[in-house]
Protein backbone atom coordinates (compact mmCIF):
# COMPACT_ATOMS: atom_id res chain seq x y z
CA MET A 1 22.44 -4.30 73.06
CA ASN A 2 25.12 -5.95 71.16
CA GLN A 3 28.14 -6.91 73.36
CA THR A 4 30.66 -5.26 71.05
CA ILE A 5 28.84 -1.95 71.25
CA LYS A 6 28.68 -2.07 75.08
CA SER A 7 32.47 -2.75 75.20
CA SER A 8 33.19 0.31 73.01
CA ILE A 9 31.01 2.69 75.08
CA LEU A 10 32.76 1.53 78.30
CA LEU A 11 36.29 2.07 76.83
CA ILE A 12 35.39 5.58 75.67
CA SER A 13 34.02 6.44 79.12
CA LEU A 14 37.17 5.23 80.78
CA LEU A 15 39.41 7.24 78.45
CA GLY A 16 37.35 10.42 79.13
CA VAL A 17 37.59 9.98 82.89
CA SER A 18 41.34 9.33 82.57
CA PHE A 19 41.82 12.45 80.51
CA PHE A 20 39.88 14.59 82.96
CA ALA A 21 41.75 13.13 85.93
CA PHE A 22 45.18 13.78 84.19
CA ASN A 23 44.31 17.41 83.48
CA PHE A 24 43.14 17.94 87.00
CA LEU A 25 46.21 16.40 88.46
CA SER A 26 48.43 18.49 86.13
CA ASP A 27 46.83 21.75 87.15
CA SER A 28 47.19 20.91 90.83
CA LEU A 29 50.87 20.17 90.41
CA ASP A 30 51.44 23.51 88.57
CA GLN A 31 49.64 25.46 91.38
CA GLN A 32 51.86 23.71 93.86
CA THR A 33 54.95 24.57 91.86
CA GLU A 34 53.99 28.32 91.65
CA THR A 35 53.25 28.32 95.35
CA SER A 36 56.56 26.70 96.05
CA GLN A 37 58.32 29.40 93.92
CA VAL A 38 56.56 32.24 95.65
CA GLU A 39 57.44 30.70 99.01
CA THR A 40 61.01 30.33 97.89
CA THR A 41 61.16 33.93 96.79
CA LEU A 42 59.54 35.14 99.92
CA THR A 43 61.86 33.05 101.95
CA SER A 44 64.89 34.49 100.09
CA THR A 45 63.63 38.11 100.52
CA THR A 46 63.02 37.43 104.22
CA ILE A 47 66.60 36.19 104.59
CA GLN A 48 68.04 39.23 102.78
CA LYS A 49 66.22 41.62 105.09
CA GLN A 50 67.58 39.82 108.09
CA ILE A 51 71.22 40.75 107.15
CA GLU A 52 72.42 43.20 109.76
CA ILE A 53 75.42 45.51 109.56
CA ASP A 54 76.95 47.80 112.19
CA ARG A 55 75.55 51.30 112.11
CA PHE A 56 77.60 54.08 110.60
CA ASN A 57 79.32 56.12 113.32
CA ALA A 58 78.61 59.72 112.33
CA LEU A 59 80.66 62.66 113.68
CA ASP A 60 79.21 64.62 116.56
CA ILE A 61 80.14 67.83 114.79
CA SER A 62 80.56 67.71 111.00
CA LEU A 63 83.46 69.50 109.29
CA LYS A 64 81.12 72.04 107.90
CA GLU A 65 79.65 72.79 111.33
CA PHE A 66 83.02 73.10 112.82
CA ILE A 67 84.30 75.47 110.16
CA ASP A 68 81.05 77.57 110.28
CA ASN A 69 81.51 77.98 114.09
CA GLU A 70 85.16 79.04 113.64
CA LEU A 71 84.23 81.55 110.95
CA LEU A 72 82.04 83.36 113.37
CA SER A 73 85.17 84.84 114.89
CA ILE A 74 86.09 86.71 111.68
CA SER A 75 85.11 90.40 112.01
CA ASP A 76 82.68 91.82 109.50
CA GLU A 77 85.40 94.17 108.10
CA CYS A 78 87.64 91.17 107.50
CA ILE A 79 85.31 89.22 105.34
CA LYS A 80 87.22 88.41 102.11
CA PHE A 81 86.13 89.63 98.72
CA GLY A 82 88.72 89.45 95.98
CA SER A 83 92.47 89.07 96.78
CA TRP A 84 93.91 88.39 100.22
CA PHE A 85 95.97 91.44 99.61
CA SER A 86 92.84 93.48 100.09
CA LEU A 87 92.90 92.61 103.80
CA THR A 88 94.82 94.47 106.50
CA GLU A 89 97.48 92.71 108.54
CA ASN A 90 95.09 92.47 111.48
CA CYS A 91 92.40 90.82 109.34
CA LEU A 92 94.94 88.45 107.83
CA ASN A 93 95.95 87.42 111.32
CA GLU A 94 92.31 86.77 112.22
CA TRP A 95 92.10 84.40 109.24
CA LEU A 96 95.41 82.81 110.10
CA SER A 97 94.07 81.96 113.57
CA VAL A 98 90.90 80.35 112.19
CA LEU A 99 92.75 78.51 109.43
CA ASN A 100 95.29 77.14 111.96
CA LYS A 101 92.47 75.82 114.10
CA ILE A 102 90.98 74.04 111.08
CA ASP A 103 94.44 72.56 110.30
CA GLU A 104 94.81 71.38 113.85
CA LYS A 105 91.60 69.33 113.50
CA SER A 106 92.36 68.20 110.01
CA SER A 107 93.93 64.85 111.01
CA THR A 108 90.88 63.91 113.07
CA TYR A 109 88.48 64.65 110.15
CA ALA A 110 90.89 62.96 107.69
CA SER A 111 90.71 59.78 109.83
CA HIS A 112 86.91 59.86 109.76
CA TYR A 113 87.01 60.29 105.92
CA ALA A 114 89.07 57.07 105.72
CA TYR A 115 86.62 55.26 107.97
CA ALA A 116 83.62 56.50 105.89
CA GLN A 117 85.30 55.41 102.67
CA SER A 118 86.01 51.90 104.01
CA TYR A 119 82.51 51.62 105.47
CA PHE A 120 80.94 52.60 102.20
CA ILE A 121 83.01 50.10 100.12
CA SER A 122 82.13 47.25 102.49
CA ASN A 123 78.42 47.99 102.98
CA TYR A 124 77.19 49.97 99.96
CA GLN A 125 74.66 47.13 99.04
CA ASN A 126 73.02 47.19 102.48
CA LEU A 127 73.24 50.87 103.57
CA ASN A 128 70.73 52.14 106.04
CA GLU A 129 68.85 55.13 104.47
CA GLU A 130 69.35 57.02 107.79
CA ASP A 131 73.08 56.78 107.32
CA VAL A 132 73.40 57.76 103.65
CA GLU A 133 73.47 61.52 104.22
CA ASP A 134 76.00 61.29 106.92
CA ILE A 135 78.15 59.02 104.77
CA LEU A 136 78.00 61.38 101.81
CA ASP A 137 78.98 64.40 104.03
CA SER A 138 81.93 62.35 105.37
CA LEU A 139 83.11 61.43 101.87
CA SER A 140 83.39 65.16 101.01
CA ILE A 141 85.88 65.82 103.85
CA GLU A 142 89.02 65.19 101.81
CA SER A 143 88.23 67.77 99.21
CA ASP A 144 86.99 70.33 101.72
CA LEU A 145 90.17 69.98 103.80
CA ALA A 146 92.21 70.51 100.64
CA ILE A 147 90.45 73.80 99.94
CA TRP A 148 91.02 75.12 103.56
CA ASN A 149 94.62 74.03 103.50
CA GLU A 150 95.10 76.01 100.30
CA LYS A 151 93.68 79.09 101.97
CA LEU A 152 96.08 78.63 104.96
CA ILE A 153 99.02 78.57 102.58
CA GLU A 154 97.73 81.65 100.75
CA VAL A 155 97.25 83.71 103.89
CA THR A 156 100.62 82.70 105.29
CA SER A 157 102.30 83.72 102.02
CA VAL A 158 100.59 87.18 101.89
CA LEU A 159 101.51 87.81 105.50
CA ASN A 160 105.20 86.93 104.75
CA ILE A 161 105.20 89.20 101.70
CA LYS A 162 103.74 92.16 103.63
CA SER A 163 106.03 91.70 106.62
CA SER A 164 109.21 91.13 104.58
CA GLN A 165 109.03 94.34 102.41
CA GLU A 166 112.28 95.69 103.91
CA GLU A 167 114.11 92.63 102.69
CA THR A 168 113.19 93.13 99.07
CA THR A 169 115.95 93.53 96.46
CA THR A 170 113.58 94.30 93.57
CA ALA A 171 114.28 97.59 91.82
CA ILE A 172 112.06 99.06 89.13
CA PHE A 173 113.39 101.62 86.71
CA LEU A 174 111.09 103.75 84.57
CA ASN A 175 111.97 106.52 82.13
CA ASP A 176 110.58 110.06 82.42
CA SER A 177 107.97 109.50 79.74
CA VAL A 178 106.39 106.60 81.63
CA ILE A 179 106.43 108.48 84.93
CA ASN A 180 104.84 111.53 83.32
CA LYS A 181 102.22 109.34 81.68
CA SER A 182 101.32 107.93 85.03
CA LYS A 183 100.09 111.30 86.19
CA ASN A 184 97.43 111.45 83.40
CA LEU A 185 94.12 110.86 85.11
CA GLY A 186 92.10 112.59 82.39
CA THR A 187 91.41 115.63 84.48
CA SER A 188 93.14 118.98 85.23
CA ASP A 189 91.86 118.83 88.82
CA LEU A 190 94.98 116.88 89.95
CA LYS A 191 97.23 119.89 89.27
CA GLY A 192 94.87 122.32 90.84
CA GLY A 193 94.30 120.07 93.78
CA CYS A 194 90.64 121.12 93.90
CA ILE A 195 91.69 124.26 95.79
CA ASP A 196 89.13 126.98 95.38
CA SER A 197 89.28 130.13 97.46
CA THR A 198 85.52 130.71 96.91
CA GLN A 199 84.90 127.49 98.93
CA ILE A 200 86.52 128.90 102.14
CA LYS A 201 84.18 128.94 105.08
CA GLU A 202 85.92 130.55 108.00
CA ASN A 203 83.05 130.66 110.46
CA SER A 204 81.07 127.72 109.33
CA ALA A 205 78.58 126.20 111.80
CA GLU A 206 79.42 122.80 110.38
CA GLU A 207 82.54 121.05 111.54
CA TRP A 208 83.11 119.31 108.21
CA VAL A 209 82.07 119.61 104.60
CA ILE A 210 80.76 116.35 103.34
CA PRO A 211 80.40 115.51 99.58
CA GLU A 212 76.76 114.93 98.45
CA ASN A 213 75.31 112.08 96.43
CA VAL A 214 77.06 109.19 98.02
CA ASN A 215 76.56 105.45 97.35
CA GLN A 216 74.87 102.81 99.48
CA ARG A 217 77.35 100.60 101.25
CA ASP A 218 78.49 97.59 99.17
CA GLU A 219 80.19 94.70 101.01
CA LYS A 220 82.01 93.67 97.87
CA LYS A 221 83.82 97.03 97.58
CA PHE A 222 85.92 99.29 99.73
CA ASN A 223 83.62 101.92 101.14
CA TYR A 224 85.25 105.16 102.02
CA ALA A 225 83.90 108.56 103.17
CA VAL A 226 85.32 112.07 102.79
CA LYS A 227 85.36 114.93 105.36
CA ILE A 228 86.82 118.39 104.53
CA GLU A 229 87.65 121.16 107.05
CA PRO A 230 85.50 124.12 105.93
CA SER A 231 88.32 126.66 106.26
CA LEU A 232 90.54 124.90 103.65
CA GLY A 233 88.74 126.04 100.55
CA LEU A 234 88.58 122.59 98.90
CA ASP A 235 85.74 121.89 96.44
CA PRO A 236 84.01 118.75 97.78
CA LEU A 237 82.68 117.62 94.36
CA CYS A 238 86.18 118.05 92.86
CA ILE A 239 87.69 116.02 95.65
CA LYS A 240 85.03 113.34 95.25
CA ASN A 241 85.80 112.93 91.59
CA LEU A 242 89.61 113.08 92.05
CA LEU A 243 89.69 110.39 94.75
CA PHE A 244 87.58 108.12 92.60
CA LEU A 245 89.92 108.45 89.64
CA ILE A 246 93.06 107.76 91.81
CA LEU A 247 91.59 104.86 93.86
CA ASN A 248 90.12 102.99 90.95
CA ASN A 249 93.03 103.54 88.51
CA ASP A 250 94.43 100.36 86.99
CA LEU A 251 97.91 101.33 88.41
CA GLY A 252 96.50 101.59 91.85
CA TRP A 253 95.38 99.43 94.81
CA THR A 254 92.29 98.10 93.08
CA ASN A 255 94.60 96.08 90.75
CA ILE A 256 96.24 94.43 93.85
CA ALA A 257 93.17 94.06 96.20
CA GLU A 258 90.88 93.01 93.32
CA LYS A 259 88.18 95.19 94.78
CA SER A 260 87.00 98.66 93.58
CA PHE A 261 86.51 101.73 95.81
CA GLN A 262 83.28 103.77 96.23
CA LEU A 263 82.24 106.86 98.14
CA THR A 264 79.66 106.37 100.90
CA SER A 265 78.41 108.17 103.99
CA VAL A 266 80.67 108.32 107.02
CA GLU A 267 78.23 105.94 108.78
CA ASP A 268 78.49 103.36 105.98
CA SER A 269 82.19 103.63 105.40
CA ASP A 270 85.06 101.28 106.07
CA TYR A 271 87.40 104.23 106.57
CA VAL A 272 87.50 108.05 106.05
CA TYR A 273 89.68 110.46 104.12
CA ILE A 274 89.96 113.68 106.16
CA PHE A 275 91.39 116.84 104.63
CA ALA A 276 92.56 118.94 107.56
CA SER A 277 94.67 121.96 108.50
CA PRO A 278 98.12 121.30 110.04
CA GLU A 279 96.76 122.02 113.49
CA LYS A 280 93.76 119.73 113.09
CA THR A 281 95.94 117.08 111.60
CA ASP A 282 98.10 116.96 114.82
CA GLU A 283 94.96 116.71 116.83
CA LEU A 284 93.48 113.89 114.82
CA CYS A 285 96.70 111.93 114.37
CA ALA A 286 97.65 111.92 118.05
CA PRO A 287 99.46 110.05 119.63
CA ILE A 288 101.21 109.84 116.20
CA GLU A 289 103.46 112.96 115.98
CA THR A 290 102.89 114.72 112.64
CA ASN A 291 104.50 118.05 113.73
CA SER A 292 102.02 119.98 111.56
CA ILE A 293 103.92 118.91 108.40
CA TYR A 294 103.00 115.26 107.95
CA SER A 295 99.87 113.26 107.26
CA CYS A 296 98.88 109.97 108.96
CA ARG A 297 96.64 106.94 109.04
CA ASN A 298 95.12 106.71 112.58
CA GLU A 299 93.01 103.54 112.84
CA GLN A 300 90.20 104.00 110.27
CA ASN A 301 90.98 107.67 109.62
CA ILE A 302 93.26 108.85 106.77
CA VAL A 303 94.17 112.39 107.79
CA LEU A 304 95.67 114.43 104.97
CA ASN A 305 97.63 117.50 105.93
CA PHE A 306 96.52 120.41 103.78
CA PHE A 307 99.99 121.86 104.00
CA ARG A 308 101.34 118.79 102.19
CA TRP A 309 98.36 118.58 99.75
CA GLN A 310 99.06 122.27 98.76
CA ASN A 311 102.87 122.25 98.70
CA GLY A 312 104.09 118.65 98.04
CA ALA A 313 107.50 117.64 99.32
CA VAL A 314 111.14 118.65 98.67
CA ASP A 315 112.17 115.56 96.61
CA PHE A 316 109.14 115.96 94.34
CA LYS A 317 110.40 119.46 93.37
CA ASN A 318 107.62 120.99 91.27
CA ASP A 319 105.82 117.73 90.56
CA ILE A 320 102.80 118.38 92.69
CA GLU A 321 100.62 115.92 90.68
CA THR A 322 102.77 112.89 91.38
CA TYR A 323 102.91 113.97 95.09
CA ARG A 324 99.11 114.03 95.42
CA ILE A 325 98.79 110.65 93.88
CA TYR A 326 101.47 109.38 96.18
CA LEU A 327 99.85 110.88 99.23
CA ILE A 328 96.48 109.20 98.64
CA ASN A 329 98.00 105.88 97.73
CA HIS A 330 100.50 105.79 100.59
CA GLU A 331 98.00 106.28 103.26
CA THR A 332 95.49 103.94 101.50
CA GLY A 333 98.26 101.30 101.56
CA HIS A 334 98.36 101.57 105.33
CA ILE A 335 94.59 100.94 105.55
CA LEU A 336 95.28 97.76 103.45
CA GLY A 337 97.96 96.59 105.92
CA TRP A 338 101.16 97.52 104.03
CA GLY A 339 104.08 98.84 106.08
CA HIS A 340 106.91 101.28 105.37
CA VAL A 341 109.84 100.35 103.11
CA GLY A 342 113.03 102.03 101.88
CA CYS A 343 114.57 102.86 98.53
CA PRO A 344 115.60 99.57 96.83
CA LYS A 345 118.25 101.10 94.65
CA GLU A 346 119.42 104.54 93.66
CA GLY A 347 117.77 105.64 90.44
CA ALA A 348 114.80 103.25 90.75
CA ILE A 349 111.34 104.51 91.32
CA ALA A 350 110.42 104.93 94.92
CA PRO A 351 107.92 102.42 96.48
CA VAL A 352 104.62 104.00 97.33
CA MET A 353 105.05 102.74 100.88
CA MET A 354 108.28 104.60 101.28
CA GLN A 355 107.93 107.81 103.37
CA GLN A 356 108.65 109.98 100.31
CA SER A 357 107.55 113.10 102.19
CA LYS A 358 110.68 112.77 104.30
CA GLY A 359 112.97 112.06 101.38
CA THR A 360 113.47 109.41 98.55
CA GLU A 361 117.11 108.38 99.37
CA GLY A 362 118.12 108.50 95.67
CA CYS A 363 114.94 106.91 94.36
CA ILE A 364 112.78 108.71 91.80
CA PRO A 365 109.45 109.90 93.35
CA TYR A 366 106.50 107.83 92.27
CA GLY A 367 102.86 107.63 93.22
CA TRP A 368 101.63 104.22 92.34
CA PRO A 369 102.06 100.83 94.21
CA ALA A 370 104.28 99.24 91.57
CA TYR A 371 106.32 97.13 93.93
CA GLU A 372 103.29 95.90 95.78
CA THR A 373 101.72 94.98 92.45
CA ILE A 374 104.80 92.80 91.62
CA LYS A 375 104.70 91.16 95.05
CA SER A 376 101.01 90.45 94.87
CA LYS A 377 101.16 88.94 91.37
CA PHE A 378 104.43 87.02 91.42
CA ASP A 379 105.68 86.46 94.98
CA ARG A 380 102.79 84.65 96.52
């Protein structure tokens, strides 16, 4: 073979081997680079997982648990729906005791909130999943404490308003037209007082007449019952309707307490209106002295003296309608925790919590809780 041809073949073979060797070497280097990158990434991840932080120190008893435990001491009848003014003084004092205990612990929980906030800011990138829920609960402490502190202020204010009624200087003056209009319940039953001689049962085997078709208990309303002494001759259906109209009137307690009233059975009621003879009134009101001429609120019973229901009081003159509205609202006010007051100024309307059956001291007889409405809306 020609020497030139042999030299050319040898050169081509060397170039092919060189090219193959270069590609093989290049691929090997790329694989090593990728392996190195993976190892670097794995090494970096491993290092990140190895970062340790101090565990979050959760509370032994959370604020929610503490408050829930304290609220167990609130009586069922003192559970709040609507305004604080719907609660009696005893109920308000129950709430005040609980709210003061929460307030006493507030600094401890506020300190934990500050710790949780600082911990979160410092370690949010490396939080332990087990701690996240505890931290979130702790970060809500500040807003929760603010809510309960506001309740404490409200209850204290309402108690002060109710207990300082005698110190009031507010005087409300209404003309005769407005006073007369306040008696309009849309029924003539108020003037008649539901007195019906055909309803008299002198020798009834039943101790009390109870209205029929009552409602089921509703925890969001005032639940009251009615009992009527059979010998009085009061129509139970008429009394049922009349009480509903007075108790749920916009001028009445429902406007202050922000809860409506409904008739239930005696067993389901919060309190009971009892229409009784003078003798029975004295018996049911004892040890309160009613002397056969006054009515009373004795614990959860409102005992309405039939003598007063039928005849009114001296200062009301012939205005029996205003007196009957007053009698219902006055005793209901006691159930709601309001105490007695005097006449604020001669010529002003008498407060409903004034003992108007004994005299109005120069005030004009009036049956609705006007002064209490002003206090509940503007003095708190």
